[in-house]
Amino acid sequence: MFKANVTARFSQRILYHSMRRMGGDEILSRVWLADNFDDESVLQRKITTIIQVSASKLAVSVCAAFQRSGIELVRFGRDDDEHPNLLPLLGEISNFVDKRLRQKKSVLFWETGGGTACLVAYVMSAHRIGYSAALNIVREERPGVNVSEEYVEQLKVWRRCGFNVYEMVKGRKAPKKSYIEWIERESAKRATPQLDQYCAHS
């Protein structure tokens, strides 16, 4: 019994230090946030899926290592977004995470490129809460984490839209009023006609 307990404690210390090296934390059950990681540390946590958002991009060699290990890499968004609009992606990402969790899998959000904002959005929709409450939940496990200001407003719009920026109008998907108002404000800031660009995701 003593030997078993020592072995268990030793294994826990290895896992803890590996987690610190990975730079990741489990925010919700089987939902992780990390800023750096490798295939070994991911496998130790039984993480099966890594989500990359917008301009975040893993090196080809790293992607190959994950694929050889059977780890799923899923990317949302485009590289060419100068001012990333995450709102059309949030529902898709939340549904994707829910599906993987139902399959008893674990998901890791890569912290860069909007990944943190998308994780906060997922916490918001999962608990049906606002931005500040969701950020507090994330900070309980990962103190000091922040969301860039350009994404904070998007997350507040996400809440005002009821965690879905689209609605069905006469049988067609259309952006909700709060989403349209945000698009118009952003277009005015940039002094460019971006309404069509933002609505193109629909």
N, C-alpha and C. Protein backbone atom coordinates (compact mmCIF):
# COMPACT_ATOMS: atom_id res chain seq x y z
N MET A 1 0.84 -1.20 0.00
CA MET A 1 0.00 0.00 0.00
C MET A 1 0.87 1.26 0.00
N PHE A 2 1.93 1.28 0.84
CA PHE A 2 2.82 2.44 0.90
C PHE A 2 3.46 2.68 -0.46
N LYS A 3 3.95 1.58 -1.08
CA LYS A 3 4.58 1.72 -2.39
C LYS A 3 3.61 2.26 -3.42
N ALA A 4 2.36 1.79 -3.36
CA ALA A 4 1.35 2.25 -4.32
C ALA A 4 1.07 3.74 -4.13
N ASN A 5 0.99 4.20 -2.87
CA ASN A 5 0.73 5.60 -2.59
C ASN A 5 1.87 6.48 -3.06
N VAL A 6 3.11 6.03 -2.82
CA VAL A 6 4.28 6.77 -3.27
C VAL A 6 4.28 6.88 -4.79
N THR A 7 3.98 5.76 -5.44
CA THR A 7 3.93 5.76 -6.92
C THR A 7 2.86 6.71 -7.43
N ALA A 8 1.69 6.71 -6.77
CA ALA A 8 0.60 7.59 -7.19
C ALA A 8 0.99 9.05 -7.03
N ARG A 9 1.63 9.38 -5.87
CA ARG A 9 2.04 10.77 -5.65
C ARG A 9 3.11 11.18 -6.64
N PHE A 10 4.03 10.27 -6.95
CA PHE A 10 5.09 10.56 -7.91
C PHE A 10 4.48 10.84 -9.29
N SER A 11 3.50 10.02 -9.67
CA SER A 11 2.84 10.20 -10.97
C SER A 11 2.11 11.53 -11.03
N GLN A 12 1.48 11.92 -9.90
CA GLN A 12 0.78 13.19 -9.86
C GLN A 12 1.75 14.36 -10.00
N ARG A 13 2.95 14.24 -9.38
CA ARG A 13 3.94 15.31 -9.50
C ARG A 13 4.43 15.43 -10.94
N ILE A 14 4.64 14.29 -11.59
CA ILE A 14 5.06 14.31 -12.99
C ILE A 14 4.02 15.00 -13.85
N LEU A 15 2.74 14.65 -13.61
CA LEU A 15 1.65 15.25 -14.39
C LEU A 15 1.57 16.74 -14.14
N TYR A 16 1.73 17.14 -12.86
CA TYR A 16 1.65 18.55 -12.51
C TYR A 16 2.75 19.35 -13.21
N HIS A 17 3.99 18.88 -13.14
CA HIS A 17 5.10 19.60 -13.75
C HIS A 17 4.98 19.58 -15.27
N SER A 18 4.45 18.50 -15.82
CA SER A 18 4.23 18.46 -17.26
C SER A 18 3.19 19.48 -17.67
N MET A 19 2.14 19.62 -16.84
CA MET A 19 1.11 20.61 -17.12
C MET A 19 1.69 22.01 -17.08
N ARG A 20 2.57 22.27 -16.12
CA ARG A 20 3.20 23.59 -16.05
C ARG A 20 4.03 23.85 -17.29
N ARG A 21 4.76 22.81 -17.77
CA ARG A 21 5.55 22.97 -18.99
C ARG A 21 4.64 23.24 -20.18
N MET A 22 3.48 22.57 -20.18
CA MET A 22 2.56 22.76 -21.28
C MET A 22 1.98 24.17 -21.26
N GLY A 23 1.93 24.80 -20.08
CA GLY A 23 1.34 26.12 -20.00
C GLY A 23 -0.16 26.07 -20.17
N GLY A 24 -0.81 25.02 -19.64
CA GLY A 24 -2.23 24.85 -19.84
C GLY A 24 -2.99 24.55 -18.57
N ASP A 25 -4.30 24.83 -18.60
CA ASP A 25 -5.15 24.59 -17.46
C ASP A 25 -6.49 24.04 -17.94
N GLU A 26 -7.08 23.17 -17.11
CA GLU A 26 -8.40 22.62 -17.41
C GLU A 26 -9.44 23.60 -16.86
N ILE A 27 -10.14 24.29 -17.75
CA ILE A 27 -11.09 25.33 -17.36
C ILE A 27 -12.43 24.74 -16.93
N LEU A 28 -12.96 23.89 -17.76
CA LEU A 28 -14.14 23.09 -17.46
C LEU A 28 -13.74 21.63 -17.61
N SER A 29 -14.59 20.74 -17.20
CA SER A 29 -14.28 19.32 -17.33
C SER A 29 -14.01 18.97 -18.79
N ARG A 30 -12.75 18.55 -19.07
CA ARG A 30 -12.31 18.13 -20.40
C ARG A 30 -12.25 19.27 -21.42
N VAL A 31 -12.19 20.51 -20.92
CA VAL A 31 -12.01 21.68 -21.79
C VAL A 31 -10.81 22.46 -21.27
N TRP A 32 -9.75 22.52 -22.08
CA TRP A 32 -8.47 23.09 -21.68
C TRP A 32 -8.16 24.38 -22.43
N LEU A 33 -7.29 25.18 -21.82
CA LEU A 33 -6.72 26.37 -22.46
C LEU A 33 -5.23 26.33 -22.26
N ALA A 34 -4.45 26.49 -23.34
CA ALA A 34 -2.99 26.41 -23.25
C ALA A 34 -2.34 27.38 -24.22
N ASP A 35 -1.17 27.88 -23.83
CA ASP A 35 -0.43 28.77 -24.72
C ASP A 35 0.76 28.07 -25.38
N ASN A 36 1.22 26.97 -24.82
CA ASN A 36 2.27 26.19 -25.48
C ASN A 36 2.13 24.74 -25.04
N PHE A 37 2.48 23.84 -25.93
CA PHE A 37 2.26 22.42 -25.66
C PHE A 37 2.98 21.60 -26.72
N ASP A 38 3.13 20.31 -26.43
CA ASP A 38 3.65 19.38 -27.42
C ASP A 38 2.79 18.13 -27.38
N ASP A 39 3.05 17.21 -28.31
CA ASP A 39 2.18 16.04 -28.41
C ASP A 39 2.24 15.18 -27.15
N GLU A 40 3.41 15.11 -26.49
CA GLU A 40 3.54 14.29 -25.29
C GLU A 40 2.68 14.83 -24.15
N SER A 41 2.77 16.16 -23.90
CA SER A 41 2.00 16.75 -22.81
C SER A 41 0.50 16.69 -23.09
N VAL A 42 0.12 16.81 -24.34
CA VAL A 42 -1.29 16.72 -24.72
C VAL A 42 -1.81 15.31 -24.49
N LEU A 43 -1.05 14.33 -24.89
CA LEU A 43 -1.47 12.94 -24.72
C LEU A 43 -1.56 12.55 -23.24
N GLN A 44 -0.67 13.09 -22.42
CA GLN A 44 -0.70 12.79 -20.99
C GLN A 44 -2.01 13.23 -20.35
N ARG A 45 -2.60 14.29 -20.91
CA ARG A 45 -3.87 14.80 -20.40
C ARG A 45 -5.07 14.17 -21.09
N LYS A 46 -4.80 13.24 -21.99
CA LYS A 46 -5.85 12.58 -22.77
C LYS A 46 -6.67 13.57 -23.58
N ILE A 47 -6.00 14.62 -24.04
CA ILE A 47 -6.64 15.60 -24.91
C ILE A 47 -6.66 15.03 -26.33
N THR A 48 -7.80 15.05 -26.95
CA THR A 48 -7.95 14.43 -28.27
C THR A 48 -8.05 15.45 -29.40
N THR A 49 -8.40 16.71 -29.07
CA THR A 49 -8.66 17.71 -30.11
C THR A 49 -8.05 19.05 -29.72
N ILE A 50 -7.37 19.70 -30.66
CA ILE A 50 -6.83 21.04 -30.46
C ILE A 50 -7.55 21.99 -31.41
N ILE A 51 -8.06 23.10 -30.86
CA ILE A 51 -8.75 24.10 -31.65
C ILE A 51 -7.84 25.30 -31.85
N GLN A 52 -7.65 25.68 -33.11
CA GLN A 52 -6.91 26.89 -33.47
C GLN A 52 -7.91 27.88 -34.05
N VAL A 53 -7.71 29.18 -33.76
CA VAL A 53 -8.67 30.19 -34.19
C VAL A 53 -7.97 31.29 -34.97
N SER A 54 -8.58 31.67 -36.11
CA SER A 54 -8.12 32.77 -36.95
C SER A 54 -6.65 32.62 -37.31
N ALA A 55 -5.85 33.65 -36.98
CA ALA A 55 -4.48 33.69 -37.46
C ALA A 55 -3.51 32.80 -36.70
N SER A 56 -3.99 32.13 -35.64
CA SER A 56 -3.08 31.24 -34.92
C SER A 56 -2.70 30.08 -35.82
N LYS A 57 -1.43 29.75 -35.84
CA LYS A 57 -0.98 28.73 -36.78
C LYS A 57 0.18 27.94 -36.19
N LEU A 58 0.04 26.65 -36.14
CA LEU A 58 1.11 25.79 -35.65
C LEU A 58 2.09 25.48 -36.77
N ALA A 59 3.35 25.30 -36.43
CA ALA A 59 4.37 24.94 -37.42
C ALA A 59 4.02 23.59 -38.05
N VAL A 60 4.42 23.44 -39.29
CA VAL A 60 4.13 22.20 -40.02
C VAL A 60 4.66 20.98 -39.28
N SER A 61 5.88 21.09 -38.73
CA SER A 61 6.48 19.95 -38.03
C SER A 61 5.68 19.58 -36.79
N VAL A 62 5.16 20.61 -36.09
CA VAL A 62 4.35 20.35 -34.90
C VAL A 62 3.04 19.68 -35.29
N CYS A 63 2.40 20.18 -36.34
CA CYS A 63 1.16 19.57 -36.83
C CYS A 63 1.37 18.11 -37.18
N ALA A 64 2.49 17.82 -37.82
CA ALA A 64 2.78 16.45 -38.23
C ALA A 64 2.93 15.55 -37.01
N ALA A 65 3.58 16.07 -35.96
CA ALA A 65 3.77 15.28 -34.73
C ALA A 65 2.42 14.97 -34.09
N PHE A 66 1.53 15.95 -34.05
CA PHE A 66 0.20 15.72 -33.48
C PHE A 66 -0.57 14.68 -34.30
N GLN A 67 -0.51 14.82 -35.61
CA GLN A 67 -1.24 13.89 -36.47
C GLN A 67 -0.73 12.47 -36.32
N ARG A 68 0.60 12.32 -36.19
CA ARG A 68 1.16 10.98 -35.98
C ARG A 68 0.68 10.39 -34.66
N SER A 69 0.41 11.26 -33.68
CA SER A 69 -0.05 10.80 -32.38
C SER A 69 -1.56 10.60 -32.33
N GLY A 70 -2.24 10.88 -33.44
CA GLY A 70 -3.69 10.70 -33.48
C GLY A 70 -4.47 11.84 -32.87
N ILE A 71 -3.84 13.00 -32.71
CA ILE A 71 -4.50 14.17 -32.13
C ILE A 71 -5.15 14.98 -33.25
N GLU A 72 -6.42 15.31 -33.07
CA GLU A 72 -7.18 16.04 -34.08
C GLU A 72 -6.88 17.53 -33.99
N LEU A 73 -6.52 18.14 -35.11
CA LEU A 73 -6.29 19.58 -35.19
C LEU A 73 -7.41 20.20 -36.02
N VAL A 74 -8.13 21.16 -35.43
CA VAL A 74 -9.26 21.78 -36.12
C VAL A 74 -9.06 23.29 -36.11
N ARG A 75 -9.19 23.90 -37.26
CA ARG A 75 -8.92 25.33 -37.40
C ARG A 75 -10.18 26.06 -37.82
N PHE A 76 -10.46 27.19 -37.16
CA PHE A 76 -11.60 28.04 -37.49
C PHE A 76 -11.09 29.43 -37.87
N GLY A 77 -11.66 30.04 -38.89
CA GLY A 77 -11.26 31.39 -39.29
C GLY A 77 -10.26 31.37 -40.43
N ARG A 78 -9.84 32.60 -40.81
CA ARG A 78 -8.95 32.76 -41.95
C ARG A 78 -7.68 33.50 -41.54
N ASP A 79 -6.60 33.27 -42.30
CA ASP A 79 -5.34 33.96 -42.03
C ASP A 79 -5.40 35.43 -42.42
N ASP A 80 -6.24 35.77 -43.42
CA ASP A 80 -6.19 37.10 -44.01
C ASP A 80 -7.12 38.09 -43.31
N ASP A 81 -7.67 37.74 -42.15
CA ASP A 81 -8.53 38.66 -41.41
C ASP A 81 -7.68 39.68 -40.68
N GLU A 82 -7.67 40.93 -41.20
CA GLU A 82 -6.91 41.97 -40.52
C GLU A 82 -7.57 42.34 -39.19
N HIS A 83 -8.90 42.35 -39.19
CA HIS A 83 -9.67 42.64 -37.99
C HIS A 83 -10.63 41.48 -37.77
N PRO A 84 -10.20 40.41 -37.13
CA PRO A 84 -11.00 39.18 -37.07
C PRO A 84 -12.38 39.40 -36.46
N ASN A 85 -13.37 38.91 -37.15
CA ASN A 85 -14.74 38.89 -36.65
C ASN A 85 -15.03 37.47 -36.21
N LEU A 86 -15.02 37.24 -34.90
CA LEU A 86 -15.22 35.90 -34.38
C LEU A 86 -16.70 35.52 -34.29
N LEU A 87 -17.59 36.49 -34.32
CA LEU A 87 -19.00 36.23 -34.05
C LEU A 87 -19.63 35.13 -34.90
N PRO A 88 -19.35 35.08 -36.22
CA PRO A 88 -19.95 34.00 -37.00
C PRO A 88 -19.40 32.62 -36.65
N LEU A 89 -18.24 32.58 -35.98
CA LEU A 89 -17.60 31.30 -35.64
C LEU A 89 -18.05 30.73 -34.31
N LEU A 90 -18.54 31.58 -33.41
CA LEU A 90 -18.75 31.17 -32.02
C LEU A 90 -19.78 30.06 -31.88
N GLY A 91 -20.86 30.15 -32.62
CA GLY A 91 -21.87 29.09 -32.56
C GLY A 91 -21.33 27.78 -33.10
N GLU A 92 -20.60 27.88 -34.22
CA GLU A 92 -20.01 26.68 -34.82
C GLU A 92 -19.01 26.02 -33.87
N ILE A 93 -18.17 26.83 -33.24
CA ILE A 93 -17.17 26.29 -32.30
C ILE A 93 -17.85 25.67 -31.09
N SER A 94 -18.85 26.34 -30.53
CA SER A 94 -19.55 25.82 -29.36
C SER A 94 -20.22 24.48 -29.67
N ASN A 95 -20.86 24.40 -30.83
CA ASN A 95 -21.49 23.14 -31.22
C ASN A 95 -20.46 22.04 -31.41
N PHE A 96 -19.31 22.41 -31.98
CA PHE A 96 -18.25 21.44 -32.21
C PHE A 96 -17.73 20.89 -30.87
N VAL A 97 -17.49 21.79 -29.90
CA VAL A 97 -17.00 21.36 -28.59
C VAL A 97 -18.02 20.46 -27.91
N ASP A 98 -19.28 20.86 -27.94
CA ASP A 98 -20.34 20.04 -27.33
C ASP A 98 -20.36 18.63 -27.93
N LYS A 99 -20.19 18.56 -29.24
CA LYS A 99 -20.20 17.25 -29.91
C LYS A 99 -19.03 16.39 -29.44
N ARG A 100 -17.84 16.98 -29.34
CA ARG A 100 -16.68 16.22 -28.88
C ARG A 100 -16.85 15.78 -27.42
N LEU A 101 -17.41 16.62 -26.59
CA LEU A 101 -17.63 16.25 -25.19
C LEU A 101 -18.64 15.12 -25.08
N ARG A 102 -19.68 15.14 -25.91
CA ARG A 102 -20.65 14.04 -25.90
C ARG A 102 -19.99 12.73 -26.30
N GLN A 103 -18.93 12.84 -27.12
CA GLN A 103 -18.18 11.66 -27.54
C GLN A 103 -17.12 11.26 -26.50
N LYS A 104 -17.18 11.90 -25.33
CA LYS A 104 -16.25 11.61 -24.22
C LYS A 104 -14.81 11.98 -24.58
N LYS A 105 -14.64 12.98 -25.42
CA LYS A 105 -13.31 13.45 -25.80
C LYS A 105 -12.99 14.73 -25.04
N SER A 106 -11.73 15.14 -25.10
CA SER A 106 -11.27 16.36 -24.43
C SER A 106 -10.75 17.34 -25.47
N VAL A 107 -11.00 18.62 -25.22
CA VAL A 107 -10.69 19.66 -26.20
C VAL A 107 -9.76 20.70 -25.59
N LEU A 108 -8.77 21.13 -26.36
CA LEU A 108 -7.85 22.18 -25.93
C LEU A 108 -7.98 23.38 -26.87
N PHE A 109 -8.22 24.55 -26.31
CA PHE A 109 -8.20 25.81 -27.07
C PHE A 109 -6.78 26.36 -27.02
N TRP A 110 -6.19 26.60 -28.19
CA TRP A 110 -4.88 27.26 -28.21
C TRP A 110 -5.10 28.73 -27.91
N GLU A 111 -4.35 29.29 -26.97
CA GLU A 111 -4.64 30.60 -26.39
C GLU A 111 -4.46 31.76 -27.37
N THR A 112 -3.68 31.61 -28.40
CA THR A 112 -3.40 32.71 -29.32
C THR A 112 -4.49 32.83 -30.39
N GLY A 113 -4.44 33.98 -31.11
CA GLY A 113 -5.30 34.15 -32.27
C GLY A 113 -6.80 34.13 -32.01
N GLY A 114 -7.24 34.55 -30.84
CA GLY A 114 -8.66 34.55 -30.54
C GLY A 114 -9.13 33.31 -29.81
N GLY A 115 -8.20 32.40 -29.52
CA GLY A 115 -8.58 31.17 -28.84
C GLY A 115 -9.16 31.40 -27.46
N THR A 116 -8.57 32.34 -26.70
CA THR A 116 -9.07 32.63 -25.37
C THR A 116 -10.49 33.19 -25.44
N ALA A 117 -10.72 34.11 -26.37
CA ALA A 117 -12.05 34.69 -26.53
C ALA A 117 -13.08 33.62 -26.88
N CYS A 118 -12.70 32.68 -27.73
CA CYS A 118 -13.63 31.61 -28.11
C CYS A 118 -13.91 30.67 -26.95
N LEU A 119 -12.91 30.43 -26.11
CA LEU A 119 -13.14 29.62 -24.92
C LEU A 119 -14.11 30.33 -23.98
N VAL A 120 -13.89 31.63 -23.76
CA VAL A 120 -14.81 32.40 -22.90
C VAL A 120 -16.22 32.35 -23.48
N ALA A 121 -16.34 32.47 -24.80
CA ALA A 121 -17.65 32.39 -25.45
C ALA A 121 -18.30 31.04 -25.20
N TYR A 122 -17.48 29.99 -25.22
CA TYR A 122 -18.04 28.65 -24.96
C TYR A 122 -18.53 28.55 -23.52
N VAL A 123 -17.77 29.08 -22.57
CA VAL A 123 -18.20 29.07 -21.17
C VAL A 123 -19.50 29.86 -21.02
N MET A 124 -19.60 30.99 -21.71
CA MET A 124 -20.82 31.79 -21.67
C MET A 124 -22.03 30.99 -22.12
N SER A 125 -21.90 30.32 -23.27
CA SER A 125 -23.05 29.58 -23.81
C SER A 125 -23.34 28.33 -22.99
N ALA A 126 -22.29 27.67 -22.48
CA ALA A 126 -22.49 26.45 -21.71
C ALA A 126 -23.23 26.72 -20.40
N HIS A 127 -22.94 27.89 -19.79
CA HIS A 127 -23.55 28.23 -18.51
C HIS A 127 -24.66 29.26 -18.63
N ARG A 128 -24.88 29.77 -19.86
CA ARG A 128 -25.90 30.81 -20.11
C ARG A 128 -25.64 32.02 -19.21
N ILE A 129 -24.42 32.53 -19.28
CA ILE A 129 -24.02 33.66 -18.44
C ILE A 129 -23.36 34.73 -19.30
N GLY A 130 -23.12 35.90 -18.70
CA GLY A 130 -22.50 37.00 -19.40
C GLY A 130 -20.98 36.91 -19.44
N TYR A 131 -20.39 37.90 -20.11
CA TYR A 131 -18.94 37.90 -20.32
C TYR A 131 -18.15 37.91 -19.01
N SER A 132 -18.46 38.84 -18.10
CA SER A 132 -17.68 39.00 -16.87
C SER A 132 -17.73 37.73 -16.03
N ALA A 133 -18.92 37.12 -15.90
CA ALA A 133 -19.04 35.91 -15.10
C ALA A 133 -18.25 34.76 -15.73
N ALA A 134 -18.27 34.67 -17.05
CA ALA A 134 -17.53 33.61 -17.74
C ALA A 134 -16.03 33.81 -17.59
N LEU A 135 -15.57 35.05 -17.71
CA LEU A 135 -14.14 35.35 -17.55
C LEU A 135 -13.68 34.99 -16.13
N ASN A 136 -14.52 35.24 -15.14
CA ASN A 136 -14.17 34.88 -13.76
C ASN A 136 -13.99 33.37 -13.61
N ILE A 137 -14.84 32.59 -14.28
CA ILE A 137 -14.71 31.13 -14.23
C ILE A 137 -13.37 30.70 -14.83
N VAL A 138 -13.01 31.30 -15.95
CA VAL A 138 -11.74 30.97 -16.60
C VAL A 138 -10.58 31.35 -15.69
N ARG A 139 -10.68 32.52 -15.06
CA ARG A 139 -9.59 33.01 -14.20
C ARG A 139 -9.44 32.20 -12.92
N GLU A 140 -10.47 31.50 -12.52
CA GLU A 140 -10.34 30.63 -11.35
C GLU A 140 -9.29 29.54 -11.60
N GLU A 141 -9.20 29.09 -12.83
CA GLU A 141 -8.24 28.06 -13.19
C GLU A 141 -6.98 28.62 -13.83
N ARG A 142 -7.12 29.79 -14.46
CA ARG A 142 -5.98 30.40 -15.17
C ARG A 142 -5.92 31.89 -14.81
N PRO A 143 -5.43 32.22 -13.61
CA PRO A 143 -5.40 33.62 -13.16
C PRO A 143 -4.60 34.50 -14.13
N GLY A 144 -5.10 35.71 -14.29
CA GLY A 144 -4.37 36.66 -15.12
C GLY A 144 -4.70 36.59 -16.60
N VAL A 145 -5.50 35.62 -17.02
CA VAL A 145 -5.83 35.53 -18.43
C VAL A 145 -6.67 36.74 -18.84
N ASN A 146 -6.44 37.24 -20.04
CA ASN A 146 -7.16 38.41 -20.53
C ASN A 146 -7.69 38.17 -21.94
N VAL A 147 -8.70 38.94 -22.28
CA VAL A 147 -9.26 38.93 -23.63
C VAL A 147 -9.03 40.30 -24.23
N SER A 148 -8.51 40.37 -25.44
CA SER A 148 -8.23 41.66 -26.06
C SER A 148 -9.53 42.45 -26.25
N GLU A 149 -9.40 43.78 -26.18
CA GLU A 149 -10.58 44.65 -26.18
C GLU A 149 -11.46 44.44 -27.41
N GLU A 150 -10.84 44.19 -28.56
CA GLU A 150 -11.65 44.02 -29.77
C GLU A 150 -12.56 42.80 -29.68
N TYR A 151 -12.17 41.81 -28.88
CA TYR A 151 -13.00 40.63 -28.72
C TYR A 151 -14.01 40.78 -27.58
N VAL A 152 -13.72 41.63 -26.60
CA VAL A 152 -14.64 41.81 -25.48
C VAL A 152 -16.00 42.30 -25.99
N GLU A 153 -15.98 43.29 -26.86
CA GLU A 153 -17.24 43.81 -27.40
C GLU A 153 -17.99 42.73 -28.18
N GLN A 154 -17.25 41.92 -28.93
CA GLN A 154 -17.89 40.83 -29.67
C GLN A 154 -18.57 39.85 -28.72
N LEU A 155 -17.93 39.54 -27.60
CA LEU A 155 -18.51 38.60 -26.65
C LEU A 155 -19.77 39.18 -26.00
N LYS A 156 -19.80 40.47 -25.79
CA LYS A 156 -21.00 41.11 -25.25
C LYS A 156 -22.14 41.07 -26.27
N VAL A 157 -21.80 41.23 -27.54
CA VAL A 157 -22.81 41.09 -28.60
C VAL A 157 -23.31 39.65 -28.64
N TRP A 158 -22.40 38.71 -28.51
CA TRP A 158 -22.75 37.28 -28.46
C TRP A 158 -23.79 37.00 -27.39
N ARG A 159 -23.62 37.63 -26.22
CA ARG A 159 -24.60 37.47 -25.14
C ARG A 159 -25.93 38.13 -25.49
N ARG A 160 -25.87 39.34 -26.04
CA ARG A 160 -27.12 40.04 -26.38
C ARG A 160 -27.91 39.30 -27.45
N CYS A 161 -27.21 38.56 -28.29
CA CYS A 161 -27.86 37.79 -29.35
C CYS A 161 -28.36 36.43 -28.87
N GLY A 162 -28.19 36.15 -27.58
CA GLY A 162 -28.65 34.87 -27.07
C GLY A 162 -27.80 33.70 -27.51
N PHE A 163 -26.49 33.96 -27.70
CA PHE A 163 -25.50 32.93 -28.07
C PHE A 163 -25.74 32.36 -29.47
N ASN A 164 -26.32 33.18 -30.33
CA ASN A 164 -26.48 32.83 -31.75
C ASN A 164 -26.73 34.13 -32.50
N VAL A 165 -25.78 34.54 -33.33
CA VAL A 165 -25.91 35.85 -33.99
C VAL A 165 -26.82 35.80 -35.20
N TYR A 166 -27.35 34.63 -35.52
CA TYR A 166 -28.25 34.50 -36.67
C TYR A 166 -29.64 34.06 -36.24
N GLU A 167 -30.61 34.34 -37.08
CA GLU A 167 -31.98 33.88 -36.89
C GLU A 167 -32.57 33.56 -38.26
N MET A 168 -33.63 32.79 -38.27
CA MET A 168 -34.29 32.44 -39.51
C MET A 168 -35.35 33.49 -39.83
N VAL A 169 -35.26 34.07 -41.02
CA VAL A 169 -36.22 35.07 -41.50
C VAL A 169 -36.74 34.61 -42.84
N LYS A 170 -38.01 34.27 -42.89
CA LYS A 170 -38.64 33.79 -44.12
C LYS A 170 -37.86 32.62 -44.72
N GLY A 171 -37.43 31.72 -43.83
CA GLY A 171 -36.76 30.51 -44.29
C GLY A 171 -35.28 30.68 -44.61
N ARG A 172 -34.74 31.87 -44.34
CA ARG A 172 -33.32 32.11 -44.63
C ARG A 172 -32.61 32.60 -43.38
N LYS A 173 -31.33 32.23 -43.24
CA LYS A 173 -30.53 32.66 -42.09
C LYS A 173 -30.11 34.12 -42.28
N ALA A 174 -30.37 34.94 -41.27
CA ALA A 174 -30.03 36.36 -41.35
C ALA A 174 -29.43 36.81 -40.03
N PRO A 175 -28.53 37.82 -40.06
CA PRO A 175 -27.93 38.32 -38.82
C PRO A 175 -28.97 39.01 -37.95
N LYS A 176 -28.86 38.82 -36.63
CA LYS A 176 -29.77 39.46 -35.69
C LYS A 176 -29.47 40.95 -35.58
N LYS A 177 -30.43 41.68 -35.00
CA LYS A 177 -30.33 43.14 -34.91
C LYS A 177 -29.05 43.59 -34.19
N SER A 178 -28.74 42.98 -33.04
CA SER A 178 -27.54 43.39 -32.29
C SER A 178 -26.27 43.15 -33.08
N TYR A 179 -26.25 42.09 -33.87
CA TYR A 179 -25.09 41.79 -34.71
C TYR A 179 -24.96 42.82 -35.83
N ILE A 180 -26.08 43.16 -36.45
CA ILE A 180 -26.05 44.16 -37.52
C ILE A 180 -25.57 45.50 -36.97
N GLU A 181 -26.05 45.87 -35.79
CA GLU A 181 -25.63 47.15 -35.19
C GLU A 181 -24.13 47.15 -34.91
N TRP A 182 -23.60 46.01 -34.45
CA TRP A 182 -22.15 45.93 -34.21
C TRP A 182 -21.39 46.06 -35.52
N ILE A 183 -21.87 45.38 -36.56
CA ILE A 183 -21.22 45.46 -37.87
C ILE A 183 -21.18 46.91 -38.35
N GLU A 184 -22.28 47.61 -38.20
CA GLU A 184 -22.35 49.00 -38.66
C GLU A 184 -21.39 49.89 -37.87
N ARG A 185 -21.28 49.65 -36.56
CA ARG A 185 -20.33 50.43 -35.76
C ARG A 185 -18.90 50.16 -36.20
N GLU A 186 -18.58 48.88 -36.43
CA GLU A 186 -17.23 48.54 -36.87
C GLU A 186 -16.93 49.11 -38.26
N SER A 187 -17.91 49.08 -39.14
CA SER A 187 -17.73 49.63 -40.48
C SER A 187 -17.47 51.13 -40.41
N ALA A 188 -18.20 51.83 -39.51
CA ALA A 188 -18.00 53.26 -39.36
C ALA A 188 -16.61 53.58 -38.83
N LYS A 189 -16.13 52.76 -37.88
CA LYS A 189 -14.80 52.96 -37.32
C LYS A 189 -13.73 52.86 -38.40
N ARG A 190 -13.89 51.91 -39.28
CA ARG A 190 -12.87 51.65 -40.29
C ARG A 190 -13.12 52.41 -41.58
N ALA A 191 -14.27 53.11 -41.63
CA ALA A 191 -14.61 53.93 -42.79
C ALA A 191 -14.56 53.14 -44.09
N THR A 192 -14.97 51.86 -44.00
CA THR A 192 -15.02 51.02 -45.19
C THR A 192 -16.35 50.27 -45.20
N PRO A 193 -16.91 49.96 -46.36
CA PRO A 193 -18.19 49.25 -46.45
C PRO A 193 -18.02 47.77 -46.17
N GLN A 194 -18.08 47.37 -44.89
CA GLN A 194 -17.79 45.98 -44.53
C GLN A 194 -19.04 45.17 -44.21
N LEU A 195 -20.24 45.74 -44.32
CA LEU A 195 -21.44 45.00 -43.96
C LEU A 195 -21.56 43.72 -44.77
N ASP A 196 -21.33 43.81 -46.08
CA ASP A 196 -21.43 42.63 -46.94
C ASP A 196 -20.37 41.60 -46.56
N GLN A 197 -19.17 42.08 -46.22
CA GLN A 197 -18.08 41.17 -45.85
C GLN A 197 -18.44 40.39 -44.60
N TYR A 198 -18.97 41.10 -43.56
CA TYR A 198 -19.31 40.42 -42.32
C TYR A 198 -20.48 39.47 -42.49
N CYS A 199 -21.46 39.86 -43.30
CA CYS A 199 -22.63 39.02 -43.50
C CYS A 199 -22.36 37.85 -44.42
N ALA A 200 -21.20 37.89 -45.10
CA ALA A 200 -20.89 36.82 -46.05
C ALA A 200 -20.77 35.48 -45.37
N HIS A 201 -20.47 35.48 -44.07
CA HIS A 201 -20.34 34.20 -43.33
C HIS A 201 -21.66 33.47 -43.25
N SER A 202 -22.77 34.20 -43.40
CA SER A 202 -24.08 33.57 -43.27
C SER A 202 -24.38 32.70 -44.48
